Protein backbone atom coordinates (compact mmCIF):
# COMPACT_ATOMS: atom_id res chain seq x y z
CA MET A 1 142.19 70.23 96.39
CA SER A 2 140.13 72.30 93.93
CA ASP A 3 138.64 75.63 94.83
CA GLU A 4 135.13 74.36 94.13
CA LYS A 5 135.37 72.07 97.18
CA ILE A 6 135.90 74.95 99.55
CA GLY A 7 132.87 77.00 98.56
CA TYR A 8 134.13 79.43 95.89
CA LYS A 9 135.77 79.52 92.50
CA ARG A 10 138.95 81.52 92.12
CA VAL A 11 139.52 83.35 88.89
CA PRO A 12 142.96 82.28 87.68
CA SER A 13 145.58 84.91 86.95
CA ASP A 14 148.84 84.71 85.07
CA ASP A 15 150.83 85.57 88.16
CA SER A 16 149.39 82.87 90.36
CA GLU A 17 148.68 80.02 87.96
CA GLU A 18 151.85 78.13 88.81
CA GLU A 19 151.39 78.56 92.56
CA GLU A 20 147.78 77.40 92.34
CA SER A 21 148.74 74.23 90.45
CA LYS A 22 151.43 73.46 92.98
CA ALA A 23 149.00 73.93 95.83
CA ASP A 24 146.46 71.66 94.16
CA LEU A 25 149.05 68.92 93.58
CA GLU A 26 150.22 69.10 97.17
CA ASP A 27 146.66 68.88 98.38
CA ARG A 28 145.90 65.83 96.23
CA GLY A 29 148.93 64.09 97.70
CA SER A 30 147.85 64.52 101.32
CA SER A 31 148.02 61.39 103.39
CA SER A 32 144.79 59.55 104.08
CA GLY A 33 145.46 59.63 107.83
CA HIS A 34 144.38 63.27 108.11
CA SER A 35 140.75 64.11 108.69
CA GLU A 36 138.66 65.73 105.97
CA HIS A 37 138.53 68.98 107.92
CA SER A 38 142.34 69.12 108.16
CA GLU A 39 142.68 68.50 104.42
CA ARG A 40 140.20 71.26 103.58
CA SER A 41 141.84 73.74 105.95
CA ARG A 42 145.36 73.03 104.73
CA GLY A 43 144.28 73.13 101.11
CA LEU A 44 142.61 76.47 101.63
CA GLN A 45 145.62 77.89 103.46
CA ASP A 46 148.04 76.72 100.76
CA THR A 47 145.83 78.05 97.99
CA LEU A 48 145.38 81.42 99.68
CA SER A 49 149.07 81.75 100.46
CA ALA A 50 150.02 80.97 96.88
CA SER A 51 147.32 82.99 95.14
CA LEU A 52 147.50 86.11 97.28
CA GLN A 53 151.25 86.67 97.14
CA PRO A 54 151.23 88.35 93.67
CA ALA A 55 148.45 90.69 94.79
CA ILE A 56 150.33 91.63 97.94
CA VAL A 57 153.36 92.55 95.87
CA LYS A 58 151.22 94.96 93.80
CA ALA A 59 149.27 96.33 96.78
CA SER A 60 150.03 99.46 98.79
CA GLU A 61 152.56 99.41 101.60
CA SER A 62 149.84 99.56 104.26
CA VAL A 63 148.18 96.46 102.83
CA LYS A 64 151.52 94.66 102.75
CA THR A 65 152.15 95.58 106.37
CA GLU A 66 148.71 94.42 107.41
CA TRP A 67 149.19 91.18 105.50
CA LYS A 68 152.38 90.35 107.38
CA LYS A 69 150.65 90.85 110.72
CA LEU A 70 147.91 88.33 110.00
CA SER A 71 148.02 84.66 110.78
CA THR A 72 146.95 82.11 108.18
CA GLU A 73 143.52 81.79 109.76
CA GLU A 74 143.07 85.57 109.86
CA LYS A 75 144.12 85.88 106.22
CA ARG A 76 141.49 83.35 105.26
CA VAL A 77 138.77 85.19 107.20
CA GLN A 78 139.64 88.55 105.60
CA VAL A 79 139.55 87.11 102.08
CA LEU A 80 136.19 85.46 102.67
CA ALA A 81 134.81 88.65 104.26
CA GLY A 82 135.80 90.69 101.23
CA ARG A 83 134.27 88.27 98.75
CA ALA A 84 131.09 87.80 100.79
CA LEU A 85 130.33 91.53 100.98
CA ARG A 86 131.11 92.10 97.32
CA THR A 87 128.79 89.25 96.34
CA LEU A 88 125.99 90.63 98.51
CA ASN A 89 126.45 94.12 97.06
CA GLU A 90 126.33 92.83 93.50
CA LYS A 91 123.29 90.71 94.28
CA ALA A 92 121.43 93.72 95.69
CA LYS A 93 122.35 95.96 92.76
CA LEU A 94 122.29 93.61 89.77
CA LEU A 95 119.90 90.74 90.48
CA ILE A 96 116.42 91.27 89.01
CA THR A 97 113.71 89.31 90.80
CA VAL A 98 109.92 89.00 90.87
CA GLU A 99 107.77 89.07 94.02
CA ASN A 100 106.63 85.53 94.77
CA ASP A 101 104.11 86.47 97.47
CA SER A 102 102.13 89.13 95.61
CA VAL A 103 99.50 88.98 92.90
CA TYR A 104 101.46 91.70 91.08
CA GLY A 105 104.40 89.34 90.72
CA ALA A 106 102.13 86.57 89.47
CA ALA A 107 100.53 88.87 86.89
CA LEU A 108 103.99 89.86 85.69
CA ALA A 109 105.61 86.43 85.50
CA LEU A 110 102.87 84.00 84.45
CA PRO A 111 102.12 85.58 81.04
CA GLN A 112 105.83 85.39 80.16
CA ILE A 113 106.00 81.76 81.22
CA ALA A 114 102.87 81.03 79.20
CA ARG A 115 104.46 82.80 76.22
CA THR A 116 107.55 80.63 76.59
CA ALA A 117 105.36 77.51 76.75
CA GLY A 118 103.68 78.46 73.46
CA TRP A 119 100.39 79.55 75.08
CA SER A 120 99.24 76.04 75.89
CA LEU A 121 95.80 75.89 77.49
CA GLU A 122 96.88 75.22 81.07
CA TYR A 123 99.68 77.79 81.10
CA THR A 124 97.34 80.32 79.49
CA SER A 125 94.72 79.65 82.15
CA LEU A 126 97.29 80.28 84.90
CA ALA A 127 98.21 83.58 83.25
CA CYS A 128 94.55 84.57 82.93
CA HIS A 129 93.88 83.72 86.56
CA SER A 130 96.78 85.94 87.61
CA MET A 131 95.48 88.89 85.59
CA MET A 132 91.91 88.43 86.87
CA PHE A 133 93.04 88.39 90.48
CA LEU A 134 95.18 91.45 89.77
CA PHE A 135 92.11 93.38 88.59
CA THR A 136 90.15 92.08 91.59
CA ASN A 137 92.88 93.30 93.93
CA VAL A 138 93.00 96.75 92.33
CA LEU A 139 89.22 97.11 92.58
CA LEU A 140 89.18 96.07 96.24
CA GLN A 141 92.02 98.38 97.21
CA GLY A 142 90.55 101.24 95.21
CA PHE A 143 87.09 100.80 96.73
CA LEU A 144 88.40 100.87 100.31
CA LEU A 145 90.44 103.99 99.59
CA TYR A 146 87.41 105.61 97.93
CA MET A 147 85.26 105.01 101.01
CA LEU A 148 87.91 106.46 103.32
CA THR A 149 88.17 109.52 101.10
CA LYS A 150 84.39 109.90 101.04
CA GLU A 151 84.25 109.89 104.83
CA LEU A 152 87.01 112.49 105.12
CA ARG A 153 85.81 114.76 102.30
CA THR A 154 82.03 114.70 102.72
CA LEU A 155 80.49 112.68 105.56
CA ASP A 156 82.63 114.15 108.34
CA LYS A 157 81.78 117.65 107.15
CA PHE A 158 78.05 116.93 107.31
CA GLY A 159 78.64 116.07 110.95
CA GLY A 160 80.18 119.49 111.47
CA GLN A 161 83.68 118.12 112.04
CA MET A 162 86.37 120.65 111.25
CA HIS A 163 89.97 119.63 110.54
CA LEU A 164 91.91 118.75 113.68
CA CYS A 165 95.14 120.49 112.64
CA ASP A 166 97.00 121.25 115.89
CA PHE A 167 94.06 121.91 118.19
CA GLY A 168 95.25 121.07 121.70
CA ALA A 169 98.66 119.92 120.46
CA HIS A 170 100.46 121.76 123.27
CA SER A 171 97.70 122.04 125.86
CA GLY A 172 100.23 121.40 128.62
CA ASP A 173 101.86 124.76 127.86
CA CYS A 174 98.59 126.70 127.96
CA PRO A 175 97.62 129.45 128.37
CA GLU A 176 101.01 130.94 127.40
CA GLY A 177 101.86 128.50 124.59
CA THR A 178 100.60 128.05 121.04
CA ASN A 179 97.46 126.17 120.01
CA CYS A 180 95.77 127.00 123.32
CA ILE A 181 92.38 127.93 121.83
CA GLY A 182 90.08 125.11 120.77
CA PRO A 183 87.42 125.00 118.04
CA GLY A 184 84.85 126.17 120.60
CA GLY A 185 86.79 129.38 121.11
CA THR A 186 87.87 128.71 124.71
CA ALA A 187 91.24 127.95 126.27
CA TYR A 188 92.38 124.39 126.90
CA THR A 189 92.84 122.88 130.33
CA PRO A 190 93.61 119.19 130.96
CA GLU A 191 90.16 118.44 132.39
CA ARG A 192 88.37 120.08 129.42
CA LEU A 193 90.00 118.09 126.59
CA TYR A 194 87.69 115.59 124.84
CA ASP A 195 87.56 113.56 121.65
CA TRP A 196 85.20 114.50 118.83
CA LYS A 197 82.26 112.25 119.72
CA LEU A 198 82.17 113.24 123.38
CA TRP A 199 82.71 116.91 122.66
CA THR A 200 79.93 117.14 120.06
CA THR A 201 77.56 115.38 122.47
CA ARG A 202 78.33 117.89 125.20
CA VAL A 203 77.93 120.79 122.76
CA PHE A 204 74.61 119.34 121.60
CA VAL A 205 73.33 119.20 125.20
CA ARG A 206 74.37 122.80 125.83
CA ASP A 207 72.80 124.08 122.61
CA SER A 208 69.62 122.09 123.29
CA LEU A 209 69.26 123.70 126.71
CA LYS A 210 69.78 127.13 125.20
CA ALA A 211 67.06 126.40 122.63
CA LEU A 212 64.63 125.19 125.30
CA PHE A 213 65.35 128.03 127.71
CA PRO A 214 66.31 131.06 125.63
CA ASP A 215 65.73 133.37 128.58
CA ARG A 216 68.47 131.61 130.56
CA THR A 217 71.17 131.59 127.90
CA ASP A 218 73.72 133.37 130.08
CA ASP A 219 73.19 130.95 132.95
CA ILE A 220 73.53 127.95 130.64
CA GLU A 221 76.76 129.35 129.14
CA GLU A 222 78.15 129.79 132.63
CA MET A 223 77.00 126.51 134.16
CA VAL A 224 77.22 124.07 131.22
CA ASP A 225 80.79 123.69 129.95
CA PRO A 226 81.17 121.34 126.95
CA GLY A 227 84.97 121.53 127.09
CA GLU A 228 87.10 121.53 123.95
CA TYR A 229 87.94 119.13 121.16
CA GLY A 230 91.63 118.55 120.66
CA LEU A 231 94.63 116.31 120.22
CA GLU A 232 95.75 114.07 123.06
CA SER A 233 99.36 113.61 121.91
CA TYR A 234 101.03 115.64 119.18
CA TYR A 235 104.28 113.67 119.15
CA LEU A 236 102.56 110.28 119.09
CA ARG A 237 100.63 111.43 116.04
CA MET A 238 103.87 112.27 114.23
CA ILE A 239 105.42 108.93 115.18
CA CYS A 240 102.32 107.01 114.09
CA CYS A 241 102.45 108.75 110.71
CA PHE A 242 106.06 107.65 110.28
CA ILE A 243 105.29 104.09 111.39
CA PHE A 244 102.45 104.00 108.89
CA VAL A 245 104.76 105.05 106.03
CA LEU A 246 107.39 102.61 107.28
CA GLY A 247 104.89 99.77 107.05
CA LEU A 248 104.24 100.62 103.40
CA TRP A 249 107.91 100.39 102.41
CA PRO A 250 107.82 96.73 101.22
CA ASP A 251 105.07 97.57 98.74
CA LEU A 252 107.06 100.49 97.34
CA ALA A 253 110.15 98.28 97.11
CA GLY A 254 108.05 95.83 95.08
CA SER A 255 107.19 98.63 92.65
CA TRP A 256 110.86 99.44 92.25
CA ASP A 257 111.59 95.78 91.54
CA ILE A 258 109.00 95.79 88.76
CA MET A 259 110.49 98.97 87.32
CA ALA A 260 113.98 97.47 87.51
CA LEU A 261 112.75 94.41 85.64
CA LEU A 262 111.10 96.42 82.87
CA ILE A 263 114.24 98.51 82.43
CA GLY A 264 116.92 95.92 83.12
CA VAL A 265 115.88 92.84 81.16
CA PRO A 266 116.44 92.77 77.39
CA THR A 267 113.59 93.90 75.16
CA ALA A 268 113.44 90.54 73.45
CA SER A 269 111.33 87.41 73.44
CA GLU A 270 113.62 85.34 75.64
CA PRO A 271 112.52 82.07 77.29
CA TRP A 272 111.60 82.00 80.98
CA ILE A 273 111.78 78.17 81.07
CA LEU A 274 115.24 76.59 80.92
CA GLU A 275 116.68 73.09 81.11
CA THR A 276 118.85 71.80 83.92
CA ASP A 277 120.29 68.50 82.68
CA TRP A 278 118.77 67.57 79.34
CA GLU A 279 120.99 64.52 78.82
CA GLU A 280 119.99 63.06 82.18
CA LEU A 281 116.33 63.63 81.33
CA ARG A 282 116.79 61.85 77.99
CA ARG A 283 118.54 58.97 79.71
CA GLN A 284 115.61 58.47 82.06
CA GLY A 285 113.22 58.49 79.15
CA SER A 286 109.59 59.41 79.46
CA GLU A 287 108.96 57.46 82.66
CA ASP A 288 108.72 59.40 85.91
CA VAL A 289 110.44 58.20 89.04
CA VAL A 290 107.85 56.87 91.46
CA ASP A 291 107.22 59.17 94.44
CA ASP A 292 109.68 61.75 93.12
CA TRP A 293 107.87 65.10 92.90
CA ARG A 294 110.98 67.22 92.59
CA MET A 295 111.18 69.74 89.77
CA ASN A 296 114.93 69.42 89.32
CA PHE A 297 114.58 68.82 85.59
CA VAL A 298 113.49 72.39 84.81
CA ARG A 299 114.33 75.97 85.76
CA PHE A 300 112.07 78.99 85.71
CA ARG A 301 114.16 82.12 85.31
CA VAL A 302 113.52 85.80 84.61
CA GLY A 303 114.42 86.62 81.02
CA GLY A 304 113.85 89.14 78.28
CA VAL A 305 110.39 90.62 77.73
CA PRO A 306 109.03 91.78 74.34
CA LEU A 307 108.33 95.49 73.94
CA HIS A 308 104.55 95.16 73.81
CA TRP A 309 104.56 93.15 77.03
CA LYS A 310 106.75 95.76 78.70
CA MET A 311 104.18 98.39 77.77
CA ILE A 312 101.33 96.24 79.08
CA ASN A 313 103.14 95.54 82.33
CA PHE A 314 103.95 99.23 82.77
CA PHE A 315 100.38 100.48 82.37
CA VAL A 316 98.47 97.50 83.81
CA ILE A 317 100.75 96.47 86.70
CA LEU A 318 103.31 99.12 87.63
CA CYS A 319 101.21 102.30 87.28
CA PRO A 320 98.20 101.02 89.29
CA LYS A 321 100.45 99.55 91.98
CA LEU A 322 102.47 102.73 92.37
CA TYR A 323 99.48 105.08 92.29
CA ILE A 324 97.56 103.01 94.83
CA TRP A 325 100.60 103.32 97.08
CA ILE A 326 100.57 107.11 96.70
CA LEU A 327 96.82 107.25 97.38
CA THR A 328 97.21 105.05 100.44
CA VAL A 329 99.96 107.21 101.90
CA ASP A 330 98.07 110.44 101.23
CA ILE A 331 94.71 109.25 102.56
CA GLY A 332 96.30 107.38 105.46
CA ILE A 333 98.28 110.42 106.61
CA VAL A 334 95.13 112.58 106.50
CA PHE A 335 93.19 109.92 108.41
CA LEU A 336 95.86 109.74 111.12
CA MET A 337 96.14 113.51 111.33
CA GLU A 338 92.39 113.69 111.97
CA THR A 339 92.63 111.13 114.81
CA SER A 340 92.73 112.68 118.26
CA GLU A 341 92.77 109.74 120.69
CA ILE A 342 95.97 107.91 121.59
CA GLU A 343 94.62 104.37 121.28
CA ASP A 344 93.00 105.14 117.93
CA MET A 345 96.27 106.53 116.57
CA ILE A 346 98.17 103.36 117.45
CA ILE A 347 95.49 101.06 116.06
CA ASN A 348 94.92 103.03 112.87
CA CYS A 349 98.60 103.33 111.92
CA VAL A 350 98.71 99.54 111.70
CA ALA A 351 95.19 98.91 110.40
CA LEU A 352 95.50 101.28 107.44
CA ALA A 353 98.44 99.29 106.06
CA PHE A 354 96.04 96.36 105.65
CA ILE A 355 94.79 97.94 102.43
CA LEU A 356 98.09 97.31 100.68
CA ASN A 357 98.24 93.77 102.06
CA ILE A 358 95.14 92.76 100.14
CA ASP A 359 97.34 91.73 97.21
CA GLU A 360 98.96 89.11 99.43
CA LEU A 361 95.54 87.86 100.55
CA THR A 362 94.47 87.67 96.91
CA MET A 363 97.63 85.71 96.18
CA THR A 364 96.42 82.91 98.47
CA MET A 365 93.51 82.25 96.09
CA LEU A 366 95.75 81.55 93.11
CA PRO A 367 96.27 77.91 92.04
CA SER A 368 99.03 75.95 93.74
CA GLN A 369 100.79 75.56 90.37
CA THR A 370 101.18 79.33 90.15
CA LYS A 371 102.63 79.53 93.65
CA ALA A 372 105.08 76.71 92.92
CA ILE A 373 106.29 78.38 89.72
CA LEU A 374 106.83 81.70 91.49
CA GLU A 375 108.76 80.02 94.30
CA MET A 376 111.04 78.37 91.73
CA LEU A 377 111.44 81.52 89.64
CA GLU A 378 115.08 82.60 89.67
CA GLY A 379 116.32 86.12 89.20
CA CYS A 380 118.67 87.21 86.47
CA PRO A 381 121.45 89.83 86.58
CA SER A 382 120.82 93.11 84.79
CA LYS A 383 124.35 92.89 83.43
CA LYS A 384 127.22 90.44 83.47
CA ARG A 385 129.09 90.27 86.76
CA GLU A 386 132.70 91.32 86.75
CA ARG A 387 135.04 88.43 87.44
CA ILE A 388 137.34 89.36 90.31
CA SER A 389 140.03 87.11 91.72
CA LEU A 390 140.64 86.35 95.36
CA GLN A 391 143.68 88.61 95.23
CA GLN A 392 141.58 91.59 94.19
CA ASP A 393 138.92 90.78 96.78
CA PHE A 394 141.52 90.84 99.54
CA VAL A 395 143.14 94.07 98.37
CA LEU A 396 139.79 95.84 97.99
CA HIS A 397 138.73 94.65 101.43
CA GLU A 398 141.94 95.92 103.01
CA GLU A 399 141.72 99.25 101.19
CA GLY A 400 138.18 99.59 102.54
CA LYS A 401 139.57 99.69 106.07
CA LYS A 402 141.23 103.04 105.39
CA TRP A 403 138.63 105.46 106.66
CA SER A 404 138.26 108.03 109.40
CA LEU A 405 135.67 110.44 110.74
CA PHE A 406 136.80 112.92 108.09
CA SER A 407 136.45 110.58 105.11
CA PRO A 408 134.33 112.23 102.35
CA GLY A 409 132.10 109.21 101.78
CA LEU A 410 131.55 108.34 105.44
CA ILE A 411 128.15 110.04 105.75
CA GLY A 412 126.87 108.28 102.65
CA TYR A 413 127.74 104.91 104.15
CA ILE A 414 126.70 105.55 107.76
CA ILE A 415 123.34 107.29 107.26
CA PRO A 416 120.73 104.86 105.85
CA ALA A 417 119.31 106.25 102.62
CA ARG A 418 116.02 104.38 103.01
CA LEU A 419 115.40 105.93 106.41
CA CYS A 420 116.03 109.40 105.00
CA PHE A 421 113.69 108.68 102.10
CA LEU A 422 110.87 107.53 104.38
CA LEU A 423 111.33 110.58 106.60
CA ALA A 424 111.15 112.80 103.52
CA VAL A 425 107.97 111.07 102.29
CA THR A 426 106.35 111.47 105.72
CA ALA A 427 107.34 115.14 105.91
CA PHE A 428 106.01 115.80 102.39
CA PHE A 429 102.55 114.41 103.05
CA LEU A 430 102.39 116.04 106.48
CA GLY A 431 103.20 119.38 104.89
CA ASN A 432 100.58 118.73 102.23
CA TYR A 433 97.97 118.19 104.97
CA TYR A 434 98.81 121.43 106.78
CA LEU A 435 98.77 123.47 103.57
CA GLU A 436 95.41 122.07 102.49
CA ALA A 437 93.49 121.95 105.79
CA CYS A 438 95.02 124.51 108.14
CA ILE A 439 96.03 128.13 108.48
CA ARG A 440 98.82 129.51 110.64
CA LEU A 441 98.05 132.30 113.08
CA GLU A 442 100.44 135.05 114.11
CA ASP A 443 101.32 133.27 117.36
CA GLY A 444 102.34 130.12 115.46
CA SER A 445 99.14 128.16 116.06
CA TRP A 446 97.81 125.92 113.29
CA VAL A 447 94.00 126.02 113.23
CA ALA A 448 91.45 124.62 110.82
CA LYS A 449 90.23 126.53 107.80
CA ASP A 450 86.58 127.51 107.60
CA LEU A 451 84.20 124.56 107.29
CA HIS A 452 81.88 124.58 104.28
CA LEU A 453 79.24 121.86 103.97
CA PRO A 454 79.28 119.81 100.75
CA ARG A 455 76.33 120.22 98.40
CA SER A 456 76.04 116.43 98.05
CA ASP A 457 76.99 113.38 100.07
CA GLY A 458 78.53 111.78 97.00
CA LEU A 459 82.21 111.92 96.11
CA PRO A 460 83.05 112.46 92.42
CA PHE A 461 85.45 109.87 91.07
CA LEU A 462 87.88 112.49 89.77
CA THR A 463 88.04 114.06 93.24
CA PHE A 464 89.04 110.69 94.65
CA PHE A 465 91.42 109.81 91.82
CA PHE A 466 93.30 113.09 92.18
CA GLU A 467 93.20 113.04 95.98
CA PRO A 468 96.92 113.92 96.23
CA PHE A 469 96.09 117.07 94.21
CA PRO A 470 92.88 118.32 95.90
CA ASN A 471 92.77 121.66 94.11
CA LEU A 472 92.31 120.03 90.70
CA PHE A 473 88.83 118.65 91.40
CA PRO A 474 87.63 120.03 94.75
CA VAL A 475 84.39 118.96 96.41
CA ASP A 476 81.51 121.31 95.58
CA THR A 477 80.56 123.08 98.84
CA GLU A 478 78.17 125.73 100.11
CA LYS A 479 79.27 129.35 99.92
CA ASP A 480 78.57 130.20 103.56
CA ALA A 481 80.82 128.68 106.23
CA ALA A 482 79.20 126.36 108.77
CA TRP A 483 82.06 126.90 111.23
CA LYS A 484 84.79 129.49 111.63
CA PHE A 485 87.61 129.65 114.12
CA HIS A 486 87.00 132.32 116.73
CA ILE A 487 88.05 133.28 120.23
CA ALA A 488 85.27 133.55 122.79
CA GLU A 489 84.94 136.87 124.59
CA SER A 490 85.23 135.24 128.02
CA THR A 491 88.61 133.82 127.04
């Protein structure tokens, strides 16, 4: 029985060629009375026994000992486990693919397919549609991010809203703990903690009474208590920020895939349309099979990209996609950090990720032909896979079992790198928020910097574009502060 029948192809070696041939001949001579399953199992066992013996001779003593302990069924499982994991690892590291559910993937692939097709009218139209929807997507995402930035940078300040920072973050520890003084200058208590809208309304009522009855200011201060504006849950805010960044991971992974494609594929004008069985297609002639809509006569596969197209894809697709991701993370973190209510935190951490999902919504408007091509588009390896025999797979798998708690590479395998990366990204943008919006007092409290009203309700484009670097193009504000942190005398 050949190796192809049992789901894999063994790379022949000089040491095992004779044993493999013998096993194949014995398998072909099996009696017809056995079931197909018995024939496949026995053929596999014979092949494994014959092909693995040379490797066991060359392996370490521990591998030889382990080999002798295993039954035939266990040997088969270990060999398949080793090959399966190696194949998955190579696929993750070497296979270059294109997103088939994003307009970015369509804008990357369709022009190359149209180039391969000689820029025929219909293929060219599909490529043009992809690029147009890409620009539409970038404009929509950019506009939504611009409006969020405008609200945070200008409109909120006209309403007198200072940065939230850590106001009320540890109100349960007050009055001995940190962050026990609110923006109104008084100490927090559980019954005096309000969100921004309710607190400003209560402050407005108090100030209105003081303006109407200036002679009774002291009585109004004593009898009318507006409370304090502060954070309802400090730890939930941190978790929501991480969940928000976690939800943006697939979009960042898509950017890395595009970068891997631009770097990994050859800088050459290679075809992205390949044949499957040309002779069979010639035999059938030009007539289509009735009611057969399968596309098994053609393959769409990632291939080489000319240099000028790599440059276009880098500046038109990769750079906008990656920078929009950075803007979304930065603006989204600030938006969540300025949210005080628990329910709003939970809702916003999910709702903000919608901005980066617009590309998938835009993808639904593309023609069905484009979607079908992207679904059929195969990946290509960045380099040729190393051919490893079953013997080597087994030995490598057995050697991989030699580890302990003191193994040097254990931490690198156990701790997920992606989780650490997302935690680092979250920490970076959180730190950026505190450095920009807050100051740290001697007791460890983080309070808002002085509030200066903007001179205009407009937001300059450069201020928005360089939002992650606010000191480059800051909003023009009044010289005098409209609000300063203070501690009331009664406190």
